[in-house]
Amino acid sequence: MQSSALIRQLTEQPLVRDLSVESAQAVLALRYCILCRRGERDPMPELERRWGNILAARRYRLVVEAIGHVWPEPFAVAPPCCPRVSFDEALLAAIVGAASRRDRVQFDWLTAEMLGSDAREMLFIALENFIRARTPGRV
């Protein structure tokens, strides 16, 4: 993908419905986790229901923790009912897609400006582990 196309994609604030199913679910689950944190509730039951297994739910929670740890500024999350994704959510959708395709080069290209190599490694591994848990039979 050329940088001009990526810049246009990230600045247009796409609709959640226009994301891949995998990316949309990751964005909506992150919104839910943020709401639960604010309301001092456990997001695990909903995450488990969303992905159908506790391992995927636990690993997604690790993705959320990794984002909180490595993101250089507070992660911008749109309200749950908002049909458009924030710029950070658009980036999350793109890196979920890259990790799903096991495209480390694209993942690094998307995140290199804002994350150091150790942070990128930690986030990519967390995403890979989540995707493996979510997709039974994927090695």
C-alpha atoms as a PDB file:
ATOM      1  CA  MET A   1       0.000   0.000   0.000  1.00  0.00           C
ATOM      2  CA  GLN A   2       1.370   3.402  -0.906  1.00  0.00           C
ATOM      3  CA  SER A   3       1.788   5.919   1.870  1.00  0.00           C
ATOM      4  CA  SER A   4      -0.671   8.392   0.279  1.00  0.00           C
ATOM      5  CA  ALA A   5      -3.388   5.722   0.201  1.00  0.00           C
ATOM      6  CA  LEU A   6      -2.694   4.818   3.824  1.00  0.00           C
ATOM      7  CA  ILE A   7      -2.776   8.466   4.918  1.00  0.00           C
ATOM      8  CA  ARG A   8      -6.116   8.942   3.149  1.00  0.00           C
ATOM      9  CA  GLN A   9      -7.461   5.739   4.709  1.00  0.00           C
ATOM     10  CA  LEU A  10      -6.420   6.787   8.222  1.00  0.00           C
ATOM     11  CA  THR A  11      -7.682  10.370   7.952  1.00  0.00           C
ATOM     12  CA  GLU A  12     -11.097   9.521   6.506  1.00  0.00           C
ATOM     13  CA  GLN A  13     -12.215   7.862   9.720  1.00  0.00           C
ATOM     14  CA  PRO A  14     -13.895   4.844   8.140  1.00  0.00           C
ATOM     15  CA  LEU A  15     -17.147   3.368   9.299  1.00  0.00           C
ATOM     16  CA  VAL A  16     -16.955   0.369  11.597  1.00  0.00           C
ATOM     17  CA  ARG A  17     -19.117  -1.560   9.125  1.00  0.00           C
ATOM     18  CA  ASP A  18     -16.512  -1.013   6.389  1.00  0.00           C
ATOM     19  CA  LEU A  19     -13.774  -2.761   8.373  1.00  0.00           C
ATOM     20  CA  SER A  20     -13.079  -6.459   8.024  1.00  0.00           C
ATOM     21  CA  VAL A  21     -15.078  -8.552  10.474  1.00  0.00           C
ATOM     22  CA  GLU A  22     -11.935  -9.367  12.433  1.00  0.00           C
ATOM     23  CA  SER A  23     -10.861  -5.721  12.676  1.00  0.00           C
ATOM     24  CA  ALA A  24     -14.364  -4.459  13.519  1.00  0.00           C
ATOM     25  CA  GLN A  25     -14.700  -6.999  16.317  1.00  0.00           C
ATOM     26  CA  ALA A  26     -11.307  -5.982  17.724  1.00  0.00           C
ATOM     27  CA  VAL A  27     -12.286  -2.294  17.685  1.00  0.00           C
ATOM     28  CA  LEU A  28     -15.690  -2.894  19.270  1.00  0.00           C
ATOM     29  CA  ALA A  29     -14.180  -5.205  21.888  1.00  0.00           C
ATOM     30  CA  LEU A  30     -11.636  -2.523  22.787  1.00  0.00           C
ATOM     31  CA  ARG A  31     -14.456  -0.002  23.210  1.00  0.00           C
ATOM     32  CA  TYR A  32     -16.232  -2.472  25.467  1.00  0.00           C
ATOM     33  CA  CYS A  33     -13.074  -3.069  27.538  1.00  0.00           C
ATOM     34  CA  ILE A  34     -12.667   0.686  28.046  1.00  0.00           C
ATOM     35  CA  LEU A  35     -16.294   1.012  29.164  1.00  0.00           C
ATOM     36  CA  CYS A  36     -15.849  -1.860  31.591  1.00  0.00           C
ATOM     37  CA  ARG A  37     -12.701  -0.306  33.026  1.00  0.00           C
ATOM     38  CA  ARG A  38     -14.497   2.984  33.584  1.00  0.00           C
ATOM     39  CA  GLY A  39     -17.435   1.200  35.195  1.00  0.00           C
ATOM     40  CA  GLU A  40     -15.159  -1.097  37.218  1.00  0.00           C
ATOM     41  CA  ARG A  41     -16.663  -4.181  35.559  1.00  0.00           C
ATOM     42  CA  ASP A  42     -15.005  -7.306  34.210  1.00  0.00           C
ATOM     43  CA  PRO A  43     -15.086  -7.486  30.381  1.00  0.00           C
ATOM     44  CA  MET A  44     -14.180 -11.184  30.289  1.00  0.00           C
ATOM     45  CA  PRO A  45     -17.712 -12.663  30.061  1.00  0.00           C
ATOM     46  CA  GLU A  46     -18.530 -10.530  27.006  1.00  0.00           C
ATOM     47  CA  LEU A  47     -15.132 -11.164  25.400  1.00  0.00           C
ATOM     48  CA  GLU A  48     -15.567 -14.896  25.919  1.00  0.00           C
ATOM     49  CA  ARG A  49     -19.041 -14.746  24.360  1.00  0.00           C
ATOM     50  CA  ARG A  50     -17.749 -12.661  21.450  1.00  0.00           C
ATOM     51  CA  TRP A  51     -14.991 -15.113  20.504  1.00  0.00           C
ATOM     52  CA  GLY A  52     -16.435 -18.323  21.851  1.00  0.00           C
ATOM     53  CA  ASN A  53     -13.559 -19.297  24.085  1.00  0.00           C
ATOM     54  CA  ILE A  54     -11.866 -18.108  27.237  1.00  0.00           C
ATOM     55  CA  LEU A  55      -8.340 -18.336  25.811  1.00  0.00           C
ATOM     56  CA  ALA A  56      -9.118 -15.832  23.033  1.00  0.00           C
ATOM     57  CA  ALA A  57     -10.758 -13.541  25.606  1.00  0.00           C
ATOM     58  CA  ARG A  58      -7.717 -13.691  27.880  1.00  0.00           C
ATOM     59  CA  ARG A  59      -5.341 -13.075  25.015  1.00  0.00           C
ATOM     60  CA  TYR A  60      -7.369 -10.131  23.768  1.00  0.00           C
ATOM     61  CA  ARG A  61      -7.179  -8.655  27.209  1.00  0.00           C
ATOM     62  CA  LEU A  62      -3.392  -8.960  26.936  1.00  0.00           C
ATOM     63  CA  VAL A  63      -3.576  -7.085  23.615  1.00  0.00           C
ATOM     64  CA  VAL A  64      -5.487  -4.295  25.373  1.00  0.00           C
ATOM     65  CA  GLU A  65      -2.889  -4.211  28.154  1.00  0.00           C
ATOM     66  CA  ALA A  66      -0.063  -4.146  25.603  1.00  0.00           C
ATOM     67  CA  ILE A  67      -1.698  -1.209  23.815  1.00  0.00           C
ATOM     68  CA  GLY A  68      -2.048   0.629  27.121  1.00  0.00           C
ATOM     69  CA  HIS A  69       1.592  -0.037  27.902  1.00  0.00           C
ATOM     70  CA  VAL A  70       3.213   0.849  24.557  1.00  0.00           C
ATOM     71  CA  TRP A  71       0.955   3.501  23.017  1.00  0.00           C
ATOM     72  CA  PRO A  72       2.777   6.862  23.284  1.00  0.00           C
ATOM     73  CA  GLU A  73      -0.392   8.818  24.192  1.00  0.00           C
ATOM     74  CA  PRO A  74      -3.792   7.829  25.547  1.00  0.00           C
ATOM     75  CA  PHE A  75      -5.543   5.635  22.979  1.00  0.00           C
ATOM     76  CA  ALA A  76      -8.425   7.566  21.382  1.00  0.00           C
ATOM     77  CA  VAL A  77     -11.590   5.464  21.505  1.00  0.00           C
ATOM     78  CA  ALA A  78     -14.883   6.529  19.956  1.00  0.00           C
ATOM     79  CA  PRO A  79     -18.095   6.083  21.944  1.00  0.00           C
ATOM     80  CA  PRO A  80     -19.625   2.598  21.623  1.00  0.00           C
ATOM     81  CA  CYS A  81     -22.524   3.813  19.465  1.00  0.00           C
ATOM     82  CA  CYS A  82     -20.335   5.842  17.095  1.00  0.00           C
ATOM     83  CA  PRO A  83     -20.384   4.423  13.555  1.00  0.00           C
ATOM     84  CA  ARG A  84     -16.959   5.904  12.730  1.00  0.00           C
ATOM     85  CA  VAL A  85     -13.649   4.772  14.129  1.00  0.00           C
ATOM     86  CA  SER A  86     -11.128   7.102  15.742  1.00  0.00           C
ATOM     87  CA  PHE A  87      -7.695   7.482  14.190  1.00  0.00           C
ATOM     88  CA  ASP A  88      -6.217   5.132  16.801  1.00  0.00           C
ATOM     89  CA  GLU A  89      -8.986   2.608  16.164  1.00  0.00           C
ATOM     90  CA  ALA A  90      -8.297   2.805  12.419  1.00  0.00           C
ATOM     91  CA  LEU A  91      -4.657   2.037  13.130  1.00  0.00           C
ATOM     92  CA  LEU A  92      -5.696  -0.835  15.408  1.00  0.00           C
ATOM     93  CA  ALA A  93      -7.868  -2.223  12.588  1.00  0.00           C
ATOM     94  CA  ALA A  94      -4.938  -2.009  10.177  1.00  0.00           C
ATOM     95  CA  ILE A  95      -2.468  -3.721  12.520  1.00  0.00           C
ATOM     96  CA  VAL A  96      -4.985  -6.453  13.376  1.00  0.00           C
ATOM     97  CA  GLY A  97      -5.259  -7.081   9.637  1.00  0.00           C
ATOM     98  CA  ALA A  98      -1.482  -7.176   9.238  1.00  0.00           C
ATOM     99  CA  ALA A  99      -1.067  -9.536  12.193  1.00  0.00           C
ATOM    100  CA  SER A 100      -3.861 -11.766  10.854  1.00  0.00           C
ATOM    101  CA  ARG A 101      -1.984 -12.079   7.580  1.00  0.00           C
ATOM    102  CA  ARG A 102       1.266 -12.580   9.512  1.00  0.00           C
ATOM    103  CA  ASP A 103       2.610  -9.555   7.653  1.00  0.00           C
ATOM    104  CA  ARG A 104       5.256  -8.278  10.024  1.00  0.00           C
ATOM    105  CA  VAL A 105       6.684  -5.890   7.435  1.00  0.00           C
ATOM    106  CA  GLN A 106       3.318  -4.114   7.064  1.00  0.00           C
ATOM    107  CA  PHE A 107       2.790  -4.122  10.836  1.00  0.00           C
ATOM    108  CA  ASP A 108       6.211  -2.530  11.389  1.00  0.00           C
ATOM    109  CA  TRP A 109       5.620  -0.007   8.621  1.00  0.00           C
ATOM    110  CA  LEU A 110       2.311   1.028  10.212  1.00  0.00           C
ATOM    111  CA  THR A 111       3.746   1.398  13.725  1.00  0.00           C
ATOM    112  CA  ALA A 112       7.438   2.261  13.290  1.00  0.00           C
ATOM    113  CA  GLU A 113       6.970   6.019  13.589  1.00  0.00           C
ATOM    114  CA  MET A 114       5.337   5.844  16.992  1.00  0.00           C
ATOM    115  CA  LEU A 115       6.640   2.634  18.587  1.00  0.00           C
ATOM    116  CA  GLY A 116      10.150   1.427  19.242  1.00  0.00           C
ATOM    117  CA  SER A 117      11.240  -2.034  18.184  1.00  0.00           C
ATOM    118  CA  ASP A 118      10.619  -3.634  21.607  1.00  0.00           C
ATOM    119  CA  ALA A 119       7.114  -2.151  21.791  1.00  0.00           C
ATOM    120  CA  ARG A 120       6.327  -3.320  18.249  1.00  0.00           C
ATOM    121  CA  GLU A 121       7.569  -6.804  19.076  1.00  0.00           C
ATOM    122  CA  MET A 122       5.469  -7.030  22.230  1.00  0.00           C
ATOM    123  CA  LEU A 123       2.312  -5.808  20.481  1.00  0.00           C
ATOM    124  CA  PHE A 124       2.779  -8.023  17.425  1.00  0.00           C
ATOM    125  CA  ILE A 125       3.298 -11.118  19.575  1.00  0.00           C
ATOM    126  CA  ALA A 126       0.228 -10.273  21.680  1.00  0.00           C
ATOM    127  CA  LEU A 127      -1.851  -9.902  18.501  1.00  0.00           C
ATOM    128  CA  GLU A 128      -0.482 -13.121  17.013  1.00  0.00           C
ATOM    129  CA  ASN A 129      -1.272 -15.036  20.192  1.00  0.00           C
ATOM    130  CA  PHE A 130      -4.794 -13.636  20.235  1.00  0.00           C
ATOM    131  CA  ILE A 131      -5.385 -14.501  16.578  1.00  0.00           C
ATOM    132  CA  ARG A 132      -4.098 -18.049  17.085  1.00  0.00           C
ATOM    133  CA  ALA A 133      -6.419 -18.527  20.062  1.00  0.00           C
ATOM    134  CA  ARG A 134      -9.343 -17.097  18.125  1.00  0.00           C
ATOM    135  CA  THR A 135      -8.769 -19.287  15.088  1.00  0.00           C
ATOM    136  CA  PRO A 136      -8.665 -22.938  16.159  1.00  0.00           C
ATOM    137  CA  GLY A 137      -6.322 -25.059  14.097  1.00  0.00           C
ATOM    138  CA  ARG A 138      -4.104 -22.136  13.104  1.00  0.00           C
ATOM    139  CA  VAL A 139      -0.535 -22.900  14.047  1.00  0.00           C
END
